[in-house]
Amino acid sequence: MSPSPRELTWRAIGAGILFGALFGAANAYIGLRVGMTVATSIPVAIATVALARAFRTELNLAEANLAQTIGSASTSLATGAIFTLPALYLWGHPPSYWQVAALALCGGVLGVAAMVPLRRMLIVEQSDTLPYPEGTACAMVLRSARADSSVARWIGFGLVLGLAARAALGFRLLPGEIGFSVPFIPRAEVGLEVTPALLGVGFILGVRPATVLVSGSALAALVIAPIIAVAGAALGLSAAGGESIVDLSAGELWHQFVRYIGAGAVAAAGLASVARGLPTMVRAVIEVAARARRGHLGDPRARELPGRVVGLLVAGVVVATVAVPDLLGADISVAQRAVAGILVAIFGVLFVAVMARIAGIVGTSSQPTSGITIATLLAVGGVFAALGWNDLPAKMALLSVGAIVAIAASSSGDTAQDLKTGQLVGATPVYQQVGQLIGMATACWAVAATLLFLGATSEFGSPEIPAPQATLIAAIIDGLLTGTLPWGLFGVGAVLAAALALGRVDALAFAIGLYLPLPAMLPIFIGGVVRWYADRRRGADDSGLRPGVLAASGLVAGEGLAGVAVAGLLGAHVVSRPDAPIIDGVPGALGALGLAVALVWFVWRSERSRSPAPRA
């Protein structure tokens, strides 16, 4: 089969750039408000098809896929940038427009380039163990245009339901989370975040990985936090702010103690995962280099960026880090820039492999970008501290290295999801990889503009723009360079991950659950249980067009579109949002629970229908 001449087209590139800028700006706002971003592959795919139909034209499947590949690249830029760079404002040294855009571009290019030699191993060879839920869901949405009406019906129903649910929760008609304290266990709480997207992700994942994920979160919420509370009360220990541990709530315990344990576990499990797959990765790199020397042989639809181009892209990022003045911040010495460039290359390539695999398990919306960033800061900060670099320029250089690696790791997850979509719809990898680079080069300016606009009009760390992840990153860097960081908590997490790995448990998935809060993991687990029960009732169906997968894809798409729309309306001050839910208390909790039940029923109801068949 020859490559489609209508895959890398100007209208696909134009649509991708347009929606990449729009969704990149909106995602930057969402991340600064709530500390997490939403995956945009499916929303961009739907918006692209809708735009084409509005202009009375029709994009073919390859063009629509390329447009979403370009447009979704903005998500990773927004995630890595807003998790790190607002810390510069907290230190009283706001960055320039070009600096934010350049750091974002360097991270994005590094993530895409380092992902190229991993595609065959992660996307093709490990397709049975790494489902890439959002990439699979996006493929289902794109393929639905070629399927019968029942496919469009379930995706459409899911889209509307997910959009309506997220709008109600985003404007605080109902509380977004319900929970209760566990009797007789100090500081133990069980909660459920009402989120259509995570429920859909759980259904796509299946029950086994969902169970491992929720087990890690349950251990953190029901065992580790209570142990810290009891031990702290018995020993009279105090928290970082000086308050007694006895006075901390369950949420404060998680923020000040448990998530550091989770970050240590994620870092250790991720490194162990890379070590296990290192021989395969080395073979993949050798294969890429060999193809570059002899030219491509075989199926032209398996073409990728040549090895020499990949090497030049990685080298270009390292050279820019060392040679471009003020890229890492003002008054940074040549020696600091040189060390930073070396560490960017090492940890960027390393954590690209880690995050690309994590994204295959939990998707990009739930991937622990901040955990990877923390692990990078710990390693790089240790080097800086050993060299005696602890002044403000060193802090800025350390943050910039963390930003580039965070963006690279985040972009690798998005690239992997898009490549999975491309594999399922028959796209050409090299076109998608070029599309990712185009998306990075254009969306970085929109993300930078959003961050600087909010930094100029609001105060990061305030109730309006809390920037929770960047606040944590700033505290970690300060603790690293002043010697006050809780290394023991990171060590506990690393030891726990090692013990799980020895017990043949999926330590990485468990560590992700340990790092992320229980309310966010429970919807994934519920979605997995629904999938398991449906398979028992009707038998496992591996068809990509099974109704439940399509309905779950619609939920993911609906919440993504609504999340971006709500963020845009709030950011433009078109509407305001109350401080507390409109329906609060017991009625609000019952309403939120009823909404969660309705979402579960919808997915289950879709599975009871006849599986649609794709149009020939």
Foldseek 3Di string as FASTA:
>chain_A
DDADPQQLDPLLLVLLLVLLLLQLLLQLLVCLQPVFGAQCLQLSLVVSQVVQVVVPHGRALNSSLLSSLLNRLSNLLSNLLLLFQCLCVVVVHHDDLVLLLVLSLLLLLLLLLLLQLVQCVQQPVCCVPQVLQLLLLSLLSSLLVQFDPLLVVLLVVLQVLLQVVLLCCLLQQFPQKDKDADPPQPQAIFMAGQHLQLLLLLLSQFQPLLVLLLVLQNCQRRPVLSVCLVVQVVVVDAFPVRHGSVPDHSVRSCVGFQLLLLLLLLLLLLLVVCVVCVVVSVVSLVVLQVCLVPPDDDDQLADADHSVVSVVSLVVSLCCQQPPAQSLHHPDDSVLSNLLSVLLSVLLSSLSVSLLRVCSNRNLRLGPLLSSLLSSLLVVLVVCLVVVNQDPSNLSNSSSSSSSSSSSNSSSSSLSSSVSSCVSVSGRHHSSSVSSSSSSSSNSSSSSVSVVVCVVVHPDCDNRRNSVSNVVVSVSSNCSSVVNDPVVSSVNSSVVLVVCVVVVHSSNSSSSSSNDHSNSSVSSNLSNVLSVVLCVVPNDDPDSQQQLSSSSSSSSNNNNVSSSVSSVCVVVVVDHHDPHRPQDDPRSSVVSVVSSVVSSVSSNVRNVDDRTDGND
